[in-house]
Amino acid sequence: MPRILLACAIAALAACQAPAPPQTETAAEKLDPFVVMIDAERWGIIIDKAIDGAREAPGPSDVPHENEMYRADVALKSGAARLLQLRNDVCAKGILTGDACVIRNWPAWTRDPPTDKTPIEEINRRSQWLGEAMQPFTDAGCEAGRAASSDRQFCDVE
């Protein structure tokens, strides 16, 4: 009996942690907005946990983490991913709306894995693109933070 209970508990825990298969709508079924929302929100939680796990994992010694161009490439690609999150947050709160929420000409390099082979001139161009693309969203988010906190230096970076 204890083994059966243990097996059931393990199966239940595994079901909570494993991503659910995508649901498909059949002619007889109607999708429940609450269920669809819960399924969609689970992905972000799983990604957050996986990021925590990746940060905790020891890295191989042959990855060029100390190479400045590698670090710059990682930083730009991470910044681009975070820009999408910032845009989503700013637009979901209605701080920016409509066409102001669209990021045009999203570059293909943001989808490539990090490398230390990108020329410094290209790293610089990418950095300029990121700075320009994030400007309206950081301006809006920083102003919202200043208003909410009454801290005029809310986004000041030294």
Protein backbone atom coordinates (compact mmCIF):
# COMPACT_ATOMS: atom_id res chain seq x y z
CA MET A 1 0.00 0.00 0.00
CA PRO A 2 2.73 2.58 0.84
CA ARG A 3 4.39 1.81 -2.51
CA ILE A 4 1.16 2.47 -4.35
CA LEU A 5 0.70 5.79 -2.53
CA LEU A 6 4.29 6.74 -3.26
CA ALA A 7 3.89 5.84 -6.94
CA CYS A 8 0.69 7.91 -7.14
CA ALA A 9 2.37 10.88 -5.47
CA ILE A 10 5.33 10.69 -7.84
CA ALA A 11 3.02 10.44 -10.85
CA ALA A 12 1.00 13.44 -9.64
CA LEU A 13 4.17 15.49 -9.08
CA ALA A 14 5.50 14.57 -12.52
CA ALA A 15 2.20 15.59 -14.08
CA CYS A 16 2.46 19.01 -12.42
CA GLN A 17 6.00 19.57 -13.64
CA ALA A 18 5.79 18.22 -17.17
CA PRO A 19 4.46 20.51 -19.88
CA ALA A 20 0.94 19.56 -20.87
CA PRO A 21 0.40 18.52 -24.47
CA PRO A 22 -1.25 21.22 -26.56
CA GLN A 23 -5.01 21.02 -26.53
CA THR A 24 -6.81 20.87 -29.82
CA GLU A 25 -10.38 21.92 -30.31
CA THR A 26 -12.72 19.33 -31.71
CA ALA A 27 -16.09 20.06 -33.23
CA ALA A 28 -17.86 18.99 -30.00
CA GLU A 29 -15.51 20.84 -27.61
CA LYS A 30 -15.37 24.52 -26.90
CA LEU A 31 -12.14 25.89 -25.48
CA ASP A 32 -12.39 27.34 -21.99
CA PRO A 33 -10.64 30.73 -21.82
CA PHE A 34 -9.54 30.08 -18.22
CA VAL A 35 -7.94 26.75 -19.14
CA VAL A 36 -6.22 28.26 -22.19
CA MET A 37 -4.90 31.14 -20.02
CA ILE A 38 -3.53 28.73 -17.39
CA ASP A 39 -1.84 26.65 -20.10
CA ALA A 40 -0.29 29.77 -21.66
CA GLU A 41 0.95 31.11 -18.31
CA ARG A 42 2.59 27.77 -17.45
CA TRP A 43 5.16 28.23 -20.22
CA GLY A 44 6.56 31.37 -18.60
CA ILE A 45 6.85 29.63 -15.24
CA ILE A 46 8.63 26.66 -16.80
CA ILE A 47 10.99 29.00 -18.69
CA ASP A 48 11.74 30.92 -15.47
CA LYS A 49 12.57 27.69 -13.63
CA ALA A 50 14.72 26.45 -16.52
CA ILE A 51 16.62 29.77 -16.55
CA ASP A 52 17.25 29.37 -12.81
CA GLY A 53 18.52 25.85 -13.46
CA ALA A 54 20.80 26.96 -16.29
CA ARG A 55 22.28 29.70 -14.09
CA GLU A 56 23.02 27.18 -11.34
CA ALA A 57 24.65 24.65 -13.67
CA PRO A 58 28.42 24.61 -13.90
CA GLY A 59 29.67 25.68 -17.31
CA PRO A 60 32.25 23.93 -19.46
CA SER A 61 35.71 25.39 -19.39
CA ASP A 62 35.92 25.59 -23.19
CA VAL A 63 33.08 28.15 -23.57
CA PRO A 64 34.56 31.60 -24.16
CA HIS A 65 32.82 33.33 -21.21
CA GLU A 66 35.78 35.60 -20.62
CA ASN A 67 35.99 36.68 -24.25
CA GLU A 68 34.71 40.25 -24.51
CA MET A 69 33.02 39.74 -27.88
CA TYR A 70 31.24 36.62 -26.61
CA ARG A 71 30.01 38.50 -23.55
CA ALA A 72 28.88 41.42 -25.72
CA ASP A 73 26.99 39.04 -28.03
CA VAL A 74 25.28 37.34 -25.07
CA ALA A 75 24.37 40.70 -23.57
CA LEU A 76 22.83 42.01 -26.79
CA LYS A 77 20.80 38.86 -27.43
CA SER A 78 19.63 38.77 -23.82
CA GLY A 79 18.77 42.46 -24.04
CA ALA A 80 16.71 41.85 -27.17
CA ALA A 81 14.78 39.07 -25.42
CA ARG A 82 14.19 41.32 -22.41
CA LEU A 83 13.03 44.11 -24.72
CA LEU A 84 10.15 41.86 -25.81
CA GLN A 85 9.22 41.32 -22.16
CA LEU A 86 9.41 45.06 -21.46
CA ARG A 87 7.26 45.80 -24.50
CA ASN A 88 4.70 43.22 -23.36
CA ASP A 89 4.58 44.68 -19.83
CA VAL A 90 4.35 48.31 -20.97
CA CYS A 91 1.65 47.55 -23.53
CA ALA A 92 -0.32 45.20 -21.26
CA LYS A 93 -0.55 48.01 -18.69
CA GLY A 94 -1.71 50.44 -21.39
CA ILE A 95 1.30 52.71 -20.85
CA LEU A 96 1.82 52.49 -24.60
CA THR A 97 -0.89 51.32 -26.97
CA GLY A 98 -1.60 50.46 -30.58
CA ASP A 99 1.14 51.07 -33.12
CA ALA A 100 3.53 52.22 -30.38
CA CYS A 101 3.62 48.59 -29.19
CA VAL A 102 4.99 47.28 -32.49
CA ILE A 103 8.73 46.68 -32.83
CA ARG A 104 9.48 46.85 -36.53
CA ASN A 105 12.28 45.12 -38.43
CA TRP A 106 13.16 42.57 -35.76
CA PRO A 107 16.67 41.35 -36.68
CA ALA A 108 17.45 37.70 -37.39
CA TRP A 109 20.67 37.77 -35.30
CA THR A 110 18.55 37.84 -32.12
CA ARG A 111 17.60 34.21 -32.78
CA ASP A 112 21.18 32.95 -33.21
CA PRO A 113 23.09 31.35 -30.33
CA PRO A 114 25.87 33.39 -28.72
CA THR A 115 29.25 33.44 -30.39
CA ASP A 116 32.61 35.15 -30.10
CA LYS A 117 32.93 35.31 -33.91
CA THR A 118 30.82 38.43 -34.52
CA PRO A 119 33.02 41.33 -35.66
CA ILE A 120 33.26 44.25 -33.27
CA GLU A 121 31.72 46.62 -35.85
CA GLU A 122 28.67 44.37 -36.08
CA ILE A 123 28.41 44.15 -32.28
CA ASN A 124 28.43 47.96 -32.24
CA ARG A 125 25.68 48.17 -34.93
CA ARG A 126 23.57 45.68 -33.00
CA SER A 127 24.05 47.66 -29.81
CA GLN A 128 22.88 50.81 -31.57
CA TRP A 129 19.81 48.98 -32.90
CA LEU A 130 18.93 47.71 -29.41
CA GLY A 131 19.33 51.17 -27.90
CA GLU A 132 17.03 52.71 -30.52
CA ALA A 133 14.45 49.90 -30.37
CA MET A 134 14.19 49.96 -26.59
CA GLN A 135 14.04 53.76 -26.22
CA PRO A 136 10.25 54.25 -26.37
CA PHE A 137 9.63 51.34 -24.00
CA THR A 138 12.31 52.28 -21.47
CA ASP A 139 11.15 55.91 -21.57
CA ALA A 140 7.57 54.82 -20.89
CA GLY A 141 8.51 52.28 -18.21
CA CYS A 142 10.89 54.65 -16.44
CA GLU A 143 8.35 57.46 -16.44
CA ALA A 144 5.73 55.09 -15.02
CA GLY A 145 8.20 54.03 -12.32
CA ARG A 146 9.01 57.65 -11.46
CA ALA A 147 5.31 58.50 -11.17
CA ALA A 148 4.52 55.44 -9.05
CA SER A 149 7.49 55.83 -6.71
CA SER A 150 7.90 59.63 -6.66
CA ASP A 151 11.61 58.91 -7.22
CA ARG A 152 12.88 61.27 -9.92
CA GLN A 153 16.03 59.13 -10.26
CA PHE A 154 14.07 55.90 -10.74
CA CYS A 155 15.95 54.78 -13.88
CA ASP A 156 19.20 56.68 -13.40
CA VAL A 157 22.23 54.48 -14.04
CA GLU A 158 25.71 55.57 -13.13
